[in-house]
Structures are given as structure tokens and as C-alpha cells.
Amino acid sequence: MNLSKYLPLTETTWYILVALLEPGHGYFIMQKVEQLSDGKVRIAAGTMYGAIENLLKQKLIVLVKSEDRRRKVYQTTDLGREVLELEAQRLRYLVQIAETYGL
């Protein structure tokens, strides 16, 4: 499968996929993204749920069973994790080029 079709990830998508390496619902995702970004990124509910819909369609996340029927819980799939790994490699390469030029 050609995973490069998923790249580059948007910053929002990157953070959501990382946050969902452990199962979580919408509010958890919003809190986790803020924590991971050291408060620099805050995802609004509308943006997040739109991204979740896209990630579900792409099979990068999946809905998982939850004890709490009021909340939908999601988790990154194996495919989503592979895409995250490819994006991390891509970003490391960009940083390497920047460092080569003293940036």
C-alpha cells in the first residue's frame, strides 16, 4: 500500500493521531493536544470532529468499545501508526536539512 498518499499530515491530524495512540473521546483529545503542544495548539470542537470523520474514513482511527455510552471513544489504528511513523521520518529529514544549513 502506498502510504505516502496520506502525507504530509496537517498539524491537527498529527496531534490527533498521536493523542489517540491511547483510547480517548473528544474532550480527551482536545486536552491531550493542548498538553502535547505545550499549549500552542488548541483544537476547536468543530475542527476536531471534522478531522475525526476524515480519519475514520481513511481508517487511520477506529471507534472502540467504551463503558460510557454517552461518549464515543477512538484509537489510532495500525495503519494510522504507520502513517505517523512515516511523517516523523519526513519531519526528521526536514530538520536534518535545516541543520545542514545552520538553521
PDB file of N, CA and C in Angstrom:
ATOM      1  N   MET A   1       0.847  -1.194   0.000  1.00  0.00           N
ATOM      2  CA  MET A   1       0.000   0.000   0.000  1.00  0.00           C
ATOM      3  C   MET A   1       0.886   1.248   0.000  1.00  0.00           C
ATOM      4  N   ASN A   2       0.529   2.208  -0.805  1.00  0.00           N
ATOM      5  CA  ASN A   2       1.270   3.453  -0.888  1.00  0.00           C
ATOM      6  C   ASN A   2       0.798   4.416   0.206  1.00  0.00           C
ATOM      7  N   LEU A   3       1.544   4.468   1.305  1.00  0.00           N
ATOM      8  CA  LEU A   3       1.150   5.307   2.436  1.00  0.00           C
ATOM      9  C   LEU A   3       1.480   6.775   2.226  1.00  0.00           C
ATOM     10  N   SER A   4       2.303   7.079   1.240  1.00  0.00           N
ATOM     11  CA  SER A   4       2.684   8.473   1.015  1.00  0.00           C
ATOM     12  C   SER A   4       1.495   9.334   0.602  1.00  0.00           C
ATOM     13  N   LYS A   5       0.394   8.704   0.179  1.00  0.00           N
ATOM     14  CA  LYS A   5      -0.791   9.483  -0.193  1.00  0.00           C
ATOM     15  C   LYS A   5      -1.386  10.209   1.013  1.00  0.00           C
ATOM     16  N   TYR A   6      -1.053   9.768   2.227  1.00  0.00           N
ATOM     17  CA  TYR A   6      -1.550  10.405   3.447  1.00  0.00           C
ATOM     18  C   TYR A   6      -0.694  11.595   3.886  1.00  0.00           C
ATOM     19  N   LEU A   7       0.475  11.741   3.259  1.00  0.00           N
ATOM     20  CA  LEU A   7       1.430  12.758   3.699  1.00  0.00           C
ATOM     21  C   LEU A   7       1.425  13.968   2.789  1.00  0.00           C
ATOM     22  N   PRO A   8       1.797  15.130   3.274  1.00  0.00           N
ATOM     23  CA  PRO A   8       2.118  15.431   4.675  1.00  0.00           C
ATOM     24  C   PRO A   8       0.830  15.536   5.505  1.00  0.00           C
ATOM     25  N   LEU A   9       0.958  15.254   6.790  1.00  0.00           N
ATOM     26  CA  LEU A   9      -0.170  15.407   7.704  1.00  0.00           C
ATOM     27  C   LEU A   9      -0.300  16.862   8.117  1.00  0.00           C
ATOM     28  N   THR A  10      -1.510  17.306   8.319  1.00  0.00           N
ATOM     29  CA  THR A  10      -1.693  18.630   8.898  1.00  0.00           C
ATOM     30  C   THR A  10      -1.297  18.550  10.366  1.00  0.00           C
ATOM     31  N   GLU A  11      -1.031  19.686  10.948  1.00  0.00           N
ATOM     32  CA  GLU A  11      -0.662  19.721  12.363  1.00  0.00           C
ATOM     33  C   GLU A  11      -1.791  19.149  13.225  1.00  0.00           C
ATOM     34  N   THR A  12      -3.025  19.500  12.892  1.00  0.00           N
ATOM     35  CA  THR A  12      -4.178  18.986  13.636  1.00  0.00           C
ATOM     36  C   THR A  12      -4.246  17.471  13.549  1.00  0.00           C
ATOM     37  N   THR A  13      -4.109  16.925  12.351  1.00  0.00           N
ATOM     38  CA  THR A  13      -4.163  15.475  12.160  1.00  0.00           C
ATOM     39  C   THR A  13      -3.036  14.790  12.923  1.00  0.00           C
ATOM     40  N   TRP A  14      -1.845  15.351  12.853  1.00  0.00           N
ATOM     41  CA  TRP A  14      -0.690  14.790  13.572  1.00  0.00           C
ATOM     42  C   TRP A  14      -0.989  14.671  15.066  1.00  0.00           C
ATOM     43  N   TYR A  15      -1.447  15.766  15.642  1.00  0.00           N
ATOM     44  CA  TYR A  15      -1.716  15.758  17.081  1.00  0.00           C
ATOM     45  C   TYR A  15      -2.850  14.811  17.461  1.00  0.00           C
ATOM     46  N   ILE A  16      -3.889  14.734  16.654  1.00  0.00           N
ATOM     47  CA  ILE A  16      -4.994  13.829  16.964  1.00  0.00           C
ATOM     48  C   ILE A  16      -4.527  12.380  16.905  1.00  0.00           C
ATOM     49  N   LEU A  17      -3.775  12.026  15.873  1.00  0.00           N
ATOM     50  CA  LEU A  17      -3.279  10.657  15.773  1.00  0.00           C
ATOM     51  C   LEU A  17      -2.360  10.302  16.931  1.00  0.00           C
ATOM     52  N   VAL A  18      -1.514  11.224  17.330  1.00  0.00           N
ATOM     53  CA  VAL A  18      -0.628  10.967  18.473  1.00  0.00           C
ATOM     54  C   VAL A  18      -1.455  10.829  19.754  1.00  0.00           C
ATOM     55  N   ALA A  19      -2.403  11.736  19.946  1.00  0.00           N
ATOM     56  CA  ALA A  19      -3.246  11.685  21.147  1.00  0.00           C
ATOM     57  C   ALA A  19      -3.981  10.352  21.237  1.00  0.00           C
ATOM     58  N   LEU A  20      -4.396   9.839  20.091  1.00  0.00           N
ATOM     59  CA  LEU A  20      -5.194   8.613  20.091  1.00  0.00           C
ATOM     60  C   LEU A  20      -4.358   7.343  20.015  1.00  0.00           C
ATOM     61  N   LEU A  21      -3.069   7.455  20.281  1.00  0.00           N
ATOM     62  CA  LEU A  21      -2.276   6.241  20.461  1.00  0.00           C
ATOM     63  C   LEU A  21      -2.780   5.498  21.694  1.00  0.00           C
ATOM     64  N   GLU A  22      -3.488   6.236  22.552  1.00  0.00           N
ATOM     65  CA  GLU A  22      -4.244   5.620  23.645  1.00  0.00           C
ATOM     66  C   GLU A  22      -5.701   5.990  23.415  1.00  0.00           C
ATOM     67  N   PRO A  23      -6.637   5.099  23.767  1.00  0.00           N
ATOM     68  CA  PRO A  23      -8.049   5.382  23.501  1.00  0.00           C
ATOM     69  C   PRO A  23      -8.519   6.675  24.165  1.00  0.00           C
ATOM     70  N   GLY A  24      -9.350   7.427  23.463  1.00  0.00           N
ATOM     71  CA  GLY A  24      -9.857   8.662  24.038  1.00  0.00           C
ATOM     72  C   GLY A  24     -11.078   9.197  23.313  1.00  0.00           C
ATOM     73  N   HIS A  25     -11.846   9.993  24.031  1.00  0.00           N
ATOM     74  CA  HIS A  25     -13.032  10.652  23.479  1.00  0.00           C
ATOM     75  C   HIS A  25     -12.663  12.082  23.095  1.00  0.00           C
ATOM     76  N   GLY A  26     -13.625  12.807  22.570  1.00  0.00           N
ATOM     77  CA  GLY A  26     -13.373  14.150  22.047  1.00  0.00           C
ATOM     78  C   GLY A  26     -12.724  15.108  23.035  1.00  0.00           C
ATOM     79  N   TYR A  27     -13.257  15.181  24.245  1.00  0.00           N
ATOM     80  CA  TYR A  27     -12.688  16.110  25.228  1.00  0.00           C
ATOM     81  C   TYR A  27     -11.275  15.698  25.607  1.00  0.00           C
ATOM     82  N   PHE A  28     -11.029  14.389  25.710  1.00  0.00           N
ATOM     83  CA  PHE A  28      -9.682  13.886  25.985  1.00  0.00           C
ATOM     84  C   PHE A  28      -8.718  14.350  24.898  1.00  0.00           C
ATOM     85  N   ILE A  29      -9.156  14.225  23.629  1.00  0.00           N
ATOM     86  CA  ILE A  29      -8.304  14.627  22.503  1.00  0.00           C
ATOM     87  C   ILE A  29      -7.937  16.100  22.619  1.00  0.00           C
ATOM     88  N   MET A  30      -8.933  16.936  22.891  1.00  0.00           N
ATOM     89  CA  MET A  30      -8.682  18.375  22.998  1.00  0.00           C
ATOM     90  C   MET A  30      -7.668  18.677  24.109  1.00  0.00           C
ATOM     91  N   GLN A  31      -7.813  18.020  25.248  1.00  0.00           N
ATOM     92  CA  GLN A  31      -6.884  18.230  26.363  1.00  0.00           C
ATOM     93  C   GLN A  31      -5.491  17.712  26.029  1.00  0.00           C
ATOM     94  N   LYS A  32      -5.431  16.518  25.439  1.00  0.00           N
ATOM     95  CA  LYS A  32      -4.149  15.892  25.121  1.00  0.00           C
ATOM     96  C   LYS A  32      -3.369  16.713  24.102  1.00  0.00           C
ATOM     97  N   VAL A  33      -4.060  17.226  23.091  1.00  0.00           N
ATOM     98  CA  VAL A  33      -3.391  18.044  22.073  1.00  0.00           C
ATOM     99  C   VAL A  33      -2.806  19.301  22.708  1.00  0.00           C
ATOM    100  N   GLU A  34      -3.565  19.935  23.569  1.00  0.00           N
ATOM    101  CA  GLU A  34      -3.055  21.130  24.243  1.00  0.00           C
ATOM    102  C   GLU A  34      -1.832  20.784  25.089  1.00  0.00           C
ATOM    103  N   GLN A  35      -1.894  19.652  25.762  1.00  0.00           N
ATOM    104  CA  GLN A  35      -0.764  19.212  26.591  1.00  0.00           C
ATOM    105  C   GLN A  35       0.454  18.881  25.733  1.00  0.00           C
ATOM    106  N   LEU A  36       0.259  18.095  24.674  1.00  0.00           N
ATOM    107  CA  LEU A  36       1.362  17.701  23.803  1.00  0.00           C
ATOM    108  C   LEU A  36       2.039  18.903  23.156  1.00  0.00           C
ATOM    109  N   SER A  37       1.252  19.916  22.825  1.00  0.00           N
ATOM    110  CA  SER A  37       1.790  21.097  22.134  1.00  0.00           C
ATOM    111  C   SER A  37       2.248  22.181  23.105  1.00  0.00           C
ATOM    112  N   ASP A  38       2.220  21.860  24.376  1.00  0.00           N
ATOM    113  CA  ASP A  38       2.613  22.836  25.404  1.00  0.00           C
ATOM    114  C   ASP A  38       1.749  24.092  25.315  1.00  0.00           C
ATOM    115  N   GLY A  39       0.462  23.894  25.012  1.00  0.00           N
ATOM    116  CA  GLY A  39      -0.492  24.994  24.952  1.00  0.00           C
ATOM    117  C   GLY A  39      -0.487  25.792  23.666  1.00  0.00           C
ATOM    118  N   LYS A  40       0.349  25.421  22.706  1.00  0.00           N
ATOM    119  CA  LYS A  40       0.459  26.175  21.453  1.00  0.00           C
ATOM    120  C   LYS A  40      -0.649  25.848  20.462  1.00  0.00           C
ATOM    121  N   VAL A  41      -1.237  24.653  20.586  1.00  0.00           N
ATOM    122  CA  VAL A  41      -2.294  24.240  19.666  1.00  0.00           C
ATOM    123  C   VAL A  41      -3.539  23.911  20.472  1.00  0.00           C
ATOM    124  N   ARG A  42      -4.626  24.545  20.091  1.00  0.00           N
ATOM    125  CA  ARG A  42      -5.924  24.253  20.683  1.00  0.00           C
ATOM    126  C   ARG A  42      -6.878  23.945  19.549  1.00  0.00           C
ATOM    127  N   ILE A  43      -7.494  22.795  19.637  1.00  0.00           N
ATOM    128  CA  ILE A  43      -8.391  22.362  18.579  1.00  0.00           C
ATOM    129  C   ILE A  43      -9.825  22.639  19.006  1.00  0.00           C
ATOM    130  N   ALA A  44     -10.531  23.388  18.182  1.00  0.00           N
ATOM    131  CA  ALA A  44     -11.949  23.663  18.442  1.00  0.00           C
ATOM    132  C   ALA A  44     -12.751  22.399  18.143  1.00  0.00           C
ATOM    133  N   ALA A  45     -13.879  22.265  18.811  1.00  0.00           N
ATOM    134  CA  ALA A  45     -14.709  21.058  18.673  1.00  0.00           C
ATOM    135  C   ALA A  45     -15.082  20.784  17.220  1.00  0.00           C
ATOM    136  N   GLY A  46     -15.504  21.804  16.493  1.00  0.00           N
ATOM    137  CA  GLY A  46     -15.897  21.623  15.095  1.00  0.00           C
ATOM    138  C   GLY A  46     -14.755  21.111  14.235  1.00  0.00           C
ATOM    139  N   THR A  47     -13.582  21.676  14.414  1.00  0.00           N
ATOM    140  CA  THR A  47     -12.399  21.247  13.670  1.00  0.00           C
ATOM    141  C   THR A  47     -12.062  19.805  14.008  1.00  0.00           C
ATOM    142  N   MET A  48     -12.120  19.497  15.299  1.00  0.00           N
ATOM    143  CA  MET A  48     -11.757  18.156  15.747  1.00  0.00           C
ATOM    144  C   MET A  48     -12.708  17.103  15.188  1.00  0.00           C
ATOM    145  N   TYR A  49     -14.014  17.349  15.279  1.00  0.00           N
ATOM    146  CA  TYR A  49     -14.959  16.346  14.812  1.00  0.00           C
ATOM    147  C   TYR A  49     -14.928  16.187  13.297  1.00  0.00           C
ATOM    148  N   GLY A  50     -14.623  17.240  12.576  1.00  0.00           N
ATOM    149  CA  GLY A  50     -14.414  17.124  11.132  1.00  0.00           C
ATOM    150  C   GLY A  50     -13.195  16.272  10.825  1.00  0.00           C
ATOM    151  N   ALA A  51     -12.126  16.503  11.574  1.00  0.00           N
ATOM    152  CA  ALA A  51     -10.903  15.713  11.394  1.00  0.00           C
ATOM    153  C   ALA A  51     -11.153  14.254  11.757  1.00  0.00           C
ATOM    154  N   ILE A  52     -11.898  14.011  12.828  1.00  0.00           N
ATOM    155  CA  ILE A  52     -12.211  12.640  13.244  1.00  0.00           C
ATOM    156  C   ILE A  52     -12.972  11.914  12.140  1.00  0.00           C
ATOM    157  N   GLU A  53     -13.947  12.585  11.538  1.00  0.00           N
ATOM    158  CA  GLU A  53     -14.698  11.969  10.442  1.00  0.00           C
ATOM    159  C   GLU A  53     -13.775  11.561   9.295  1.00  0.00           C
ATOM    160  N   ASN A  54     -12.861  12.463   8.931  1.00  0.00           N
ATOM    161  CA  ASN A  54     -11.913  12.167   7.853  1.00  0.00           C
ATOM    162  C   ASN A  54     -10.992  11.010   8.234  1.00  0.00           C
ATOM    163  N   LEU A  55     -10.514  11.013   9.468  1.00  0.00           N
ATOM    164  CA  LEU A  55      -9.602   9.952   9.916  1.00  0.00           C
ATOM    165  C   LEU A  55     -10.311   8.598   9.963  1.00  0.00           C
ATOM    166  N   LEU A  56     -11.578   8.590  10.333  1.00  0.00           N
ATOM    167  CA  LEU A  56     -12.360   7.349  10.314  1.00  0.00           C
ATOM    168  C   LEU A  56     -12.512   6.831   8.880  1.00  0.00           C
ATOM    169  N   LYS A  57     -12.821   7.734   7.943  1.00  0.00           N
ATOM    170  CA  LYS A  57     -12.981   7.346   6.536  1.00  0.00           C
ATOM    171  C   LYS A  57     -11.680   6.781   5.962  1.00  0.00           C
ATOM    172  N   GLN A  58     -10.559   7.364   6.386  1.00  0.00           N
ATOM    173  CA  GLN A  58      -9.248   6.920   5.900  1.00  0.00           C
ATOM    174  C   GLN A  58      -8.743   5.684   6.644  1.00  0.00           C
ATOM    175  N   LYS A  59      -9.483   5.264   7.674  1.00  0.00           N
ATOM    176  CA  LYS A  59      -9.127   4.108   8.504  1.00  0.00           C
ATOM    177  C   LYS A  59      -7.837   4.328   9.287  1.00  0.00           C
ATOM    178  N   LEU A  60      -7.553   5.599   9.616  1.00  0.00           N
ATOM    179  CA  LEU A  60      -6.387   5.914  10.434  1.00  0.00           C
ATOM    180  C   LEU A  60      -6.727   5.865  11.921  1.00  0.00           C
ATOM    181  N   ILE A  61      -8.022   5.968  12.222  1.00  0.00           N
ATOM    182  CA  ILE A  61      -8.517   5.761  13.581  1.00  0.00           C
ATOM    183  C   ILE A  61      -9.748   4.875  13.496  1.00  0.00           C
ATOM    184  N   VAL A  62     -10.136   4.325  14.643  1.00  0.00           N
ATOM    185  CA  VAL A  62     -11.301   3.457  14.702  1.00  0.00           C
ATOM    186  C   VAL A  62     -12.073   3.759  15.981  1.00  0.00           C
ATOM    187  N   LEU A  63     -13.355   3.539  15.928  1.00  0.00           N
ATOM    188  CA  LEU A  63     -14.212   3.664  17.102  1.00  0.00           C
ATOM    189  C   LEU A  63     -14.012   2.400  17.937  1.00  0.00           C
ATOM    190  N   VAL A  64     -13.782   2.547  19.249  1.00  0.00           N
ATOM    191  CA  VAL A  64     -13.573   1.390  20.122  1.00  0.00           C
ATOM    192  C   VAL A  64     -14.677   1.318  21.168  1.00  0.00           C
ATOM    193  N   LYS A  65     -14.871   0.142  21.709  1.00  0.00           N
ATOM    194  CA  LYS A  65     -15.908  -0.047  22.723  1.00  0.00           C
ATOM    195  C   LYS A  65     -15.574   0.743  23.971  1.00  0.00           C
ATOM    196  N   SER A  66     -16.631   1.245  24.611  1.00  0.00           N
ATOM    197  CA  SER A  66     -16.466   2.047  25.814  1.00  0.00           C
ATOM    198  C   SER A  66     -17.564   1.710  26.805  1.00  0.00           C
ATOM    199  N   GLU A  67     -17.241   1.820  28.073  1.00  0.00           N
ATOM    200  CA  GLU A  67     -18.230   1.620  29.132  1.00  0.00           C
ATOM    201  C   GLU A  67     -19.217   2.791  29.175  1.00  0.00           C
ATOM    202  N   ASP A  68     -18.747   3.961  28.769  1.00  0.00           N
ATOM    203  CA  ASP A  68     -19.554   5.177  28.812  1.00  0.00           C
ATOM    204  C   ASP A  68     -20.307   5.329  27.489  1.00  0.00           C
ATOM    205  N   ARG A  69     -21.607   5.090  27.514  1.00  0.00           N
ATOM    206  CA  ARG A  69     -22.412   5.148  26.290  1.00  0.00           C
ATOM    207  C   ARG A  69     -22.615   6.574  25.784  1.00  0.00           C
ATOM    208  N   ARG A  70     -22.319   7.563  26.612  1.00  0.00           N
ATOM    209  CA  ARG A  70     -22.519   8.955  26.210  1.00  0.00           C
ATOM    210  C   ARG A  70     -21.368   9.476  25.357  1.00  0.00           C
ATOM    211  N   ARG A  71     -20.243   8.780  25.392  1.00  0.00           N
ATOM    212  CA  ARG A  71     -19.065   9.270  24.678  1.00  0.00           C
ATOM    213  C   ARG A  71     -18.565   8.239  23.680  1.00  0.00           C
ATOM    214  N   LYS A  72     -18.172   8.725  22.517  1.00  0.00           N
ATOM    215  CA  LYS A  72     -17.533   7.866  21.529  1.00  0.00           C
ATOM    216  C   LYS A  72     -16.028   7.888  21.808  1.00  0.00           C
ATOM    217  N   VAL A  73     -15.440   6.727  21.832  1.00  0.00           N
ATOM    218  CA  VAL A  73     -14.010   6.600  22.100  1.00  0.00           C
ATOM    219  C   VAL A  73     -13.323   6.100  20.832  1.00  0.00           C
ATOM    220  N   TYR A  74     -12.200   6.717  20.510  1.00  0.00           N
ATOM    221  CA  TYR A  74     -11.455   6.419  19.296  1.00  0.00           C
ATOM    222  C   TYR A  74     -10.037   5.991  19.651  1.00  0.00           C
ATOM    223  N   GLN A  75      -9.392   5.314  18.692  1.00  0.00           N
ATOM    224  CA  GLN A  75      -7.988   4.964  18.859  1.00  0.00           C
ATOM    225  C   GLN A  75      -7.326   4.892  17.494  1.00  0.00           C
ATOM    226  N   THR A  76      -6.047   5.237  17.455  1.00  0.00           N
ATOM    227  CA  THR A  76      -5.269   5.153  16.224  1.00  0.00           C
ATOM    228  C   THR A  76      -5.121   3.688  15.826  1.00  0.00           C
ATOM    229  N   THR A  77      -5.314   3.403  14.539  1.00  0.00           N
ATOM    230  CA  THR A  77      -5.165   2.040  14.018  1.00  0.00           C
ATOM    231  C   THR A  77      -3.693   1.763  13.710  1.00  0.00           C
ATOM    232  N   ASP A  78      -3.402   0.513  13.358  1.00  0.00           N
ATOM    233  CA  ASP A  78      -2.037   0.166  12.941  1.00  0.00           C
ATOM    234  C   ASP A  78      -1.639   0.979  11.711  1.00  0.00           C
ATOM    235  N   LEU A  79      -2.584   1.164  10.798  1.00  0.00           N
ATOM    236  CA  LEU A  79      -2.322   1.987   9.616  1.00  0.00           C
ATOM    237  C   LEU A  79      -2.007   3.422  10.025  1.00  0.00           C
ATOM    238  N   GLY A  80      -2.783   3.954  10.959  1.00  0.00           N
ATOM    239  CA  GLY A  80      -2.538   5.304  11.449  1.00  0.00           C
ATOM    240  C   GLY A  80      -1.165   5.437  12.072  1.00  0.00           C
ATOM    241  N   ARG A  81      -0.751   4.425  12.816  1.00  0.00           N
ATOM    242  CA  ARG A  81       0.576   4.438  13.440  1.00  0.00           C
ATOM    243  C   ARG A  81       1.674   4.413  12.371  1.00  0.00           C
ATOM    244  N   GLU A  82       1.479   3.610  11.319  1.00  0.00           N
ATOM    245  CA  GLU A  82       2.452   3.568  10.224  1.00  0.00           C
ATOM    246  C   GLU A  82       2.578   4.939   9.563  1.00  0.00           C
ATOM    247  N   VAL A  83       1.441   5.593   9.349  1.00  0.00           N
ATOM    248  CA  VAL A  83       1.454   6.924   8.739  1.00  0.00           C
ATOM    249  C   VAL A  83       2.177   7.913   9.661  1.00  0.00           C
ATOM    250  N   LEU A  84       1.937   7.820  10.968  1.00  0.00           N
ATOM    251  CA  LEU A  84       2.649   8.683  11.922  1.00  0.00           C
ATOM    252  C   LEU A  84       4.153   8.454  11.837  1.00  0.00           C
ATOM    253  N   GLU A  85       4.567   7.202  11.744  1.00  0.00           N
ATOM    254  CA  GLU A  85       5.999   6.896  11.654  1.00  0.00           C
ATOM    255  C   GLU A  85       6.607   7.480  10.383  1.00  0.00           C
ATOM    256  N   LEU A  86       5.893   7.369   9.262  1.00  0.00           N
ATOM    257  CA  LEU A  86       6.391   7.951   8.011  1.00  0.00           C
ATOM    258  C   LEU A  86       6.493   9.471   8.104  1.00  0.00           C
ATOM    259  N   GLU A  87       5.499  10.084   8.729  1.00  0.00           N
ATOM    260  CA  GLU A  87       5.524  11.544   8.889  1.00  0.00           C
ATOM    261  C   GLU A  87       6.677  11.958   9.790  1.00  0.00           C
ATOM    262  N   ALA A  88       6.934  11.199  10.844  1.00  0.00           N
ATOM    263  CA  ALA A  88       8.058  11.506  11.741  1.00  0.00           C
ATOM    264  C   ALA A  88       9.380  11.416  10.970  1.00  0.00           C
ATOM    265  N   GLN A  89       9.521  10.407  10.105  1.00  0.00           N
ATOM    266  CA  GLN A  89      10.732  10.291   9.273  1.00  0.00           C
ATOM    267  C   GLN A  89      10.871  11.494   8.346  1.00  0.00           C
ATOM    268  N   ARG A  90       9.758  11.885   7.750  1.00  0.00           N
ATOM    269  CA  ARG A  90       9.763  13.033   6.834  1.00  0.00           C
ATOM    270  C   ARG A  90      10.187  14.300   7.556  1.00  0.00           C
ATOM    271  N   LEU A  91       9.644  14.496   8.759  1.00  0.00           N
ATOM    272  CA  LEU A  91       9.978  15.692   9.543  1.00  0.00           C
ATOM    273  C   LEU A  91      11.436  15.672  10.010  1.00  0.00           C
ATOM    274  N   ARG A  92      11.926  14.498  10.405  1.00  0.00           N
ATOM    275  CA  ARG A  92      13.342  14.390  10.808  1.00  0.00           C
ATOM    276  C   ARG A  92      14.253  14.760   9.641  1.00  0.00           C
ATOM    277  N   TYR A  93      13.881  14.335   8.444  1.00  0.00           N
ATOM    278  CA  TYR A  93      14.667  14.665   7.258  1.00  0.00           C
ATOM    279  C   TYR A  93      14.693  16.172   7.018  1.00  0.00           C
ATOM    280  N   LEU A  94      13.551  16.823   7.181  1.00  0.00           N
ATOM    281  CA  LEU A  94      13.493  18.273   7.012  1.00  0.00           C
ATOM    282  C   LEU A  94      14.362  18.984   8.040  1.00  0.00           C
ATOM    283  N   VAL A  95      14.336  18.502   9.265  1.00  0.00           N
ATOM    284  CA  VAL A  95      15.171  19.101  10.321  1.00  0.00           C
ATOM    285  C   VAL A  95      16.656  18.895   9.989  1.00  0.00           C
ATOM    286  N   GLN A  96      16.988  17.732   9.480  1.00  0.00           N
ATOM    287  CA  GLN A  96      18.381  17.448   9.102  1.00  0.00           C
ATOM    288  C   GLN A  96      18.870  18.434   8.039  1.00  0.00           C
ATOM    289  N   ILE A  97      18.033  18.708   7.057  1.00  0.00           N
ATOM    290  CA  ILE A  97      18.392  19.683   6.010  1.00  0.00           C
ATOM    291  C   ILE A  97      18.563  21.067   6.637  1.00  0.00           C
ATOM    292  N   ALA A  98      17.647  21.459   7.498  1.00  0.00           N
ATOM    293  CA  ALA A  98      17.734  22.768   8.150  1.00  0.00           C
ATOM    294  C   ALA A  98      19.043  22.887   8.934  1.00  0.00           C
ATOM    295  N   GLU A  99      19.403  21.838   9.656  1.00  0.00           N
ATOM    296  CA  GLU A  99      20.618  21.875  10.462  1.00  0.00           C
ATOM    297  C   GLU A  99      21.854  21.943   9.569  1.00  0.00           C
ATOM    298  N   THR A 100      21.817  21.286   8.403  1.00  0.00           N
ATOM    299  CA  THR A 100      22.924  21.334   7.465  1.00  0.00           C
ATOM    300  C   THR A 100      23.210  22.768   7.023  1.00  0.00           C
ATOM    301  N   TYR A 101      22.153  23.574   6.922  1.00  0.00           N
ATOM    302  CA  TYR A 101      22.288  24.965   6.506  1.00  0.00           C
ATOM    303  C   TYR A 101      22.324  25.932   7.665  1.00  0.00           C
ATOM    304  N   GLY A 102      22.546  25.415   8.866  1.00  0.00           N
ATOM    305  CA  GLY A 102      22.702  26.281  10.032  1.00  0.00           C
ATOM    306  C   GLY A 102      21.408  26.938  10.494  1.00  0.00           C
ATOM    307  N   LEU A 103      20.298  26.354  10.167  1.00  0.00           N
ATOM    308  CA  LEU A 103      19.009  26.925  10.577  1.00  0.00           C
ATOM    309  C   LEU A 103      18.548  26.315  11.879  1.00  0.00           C
TER     310      LEU A 103
END
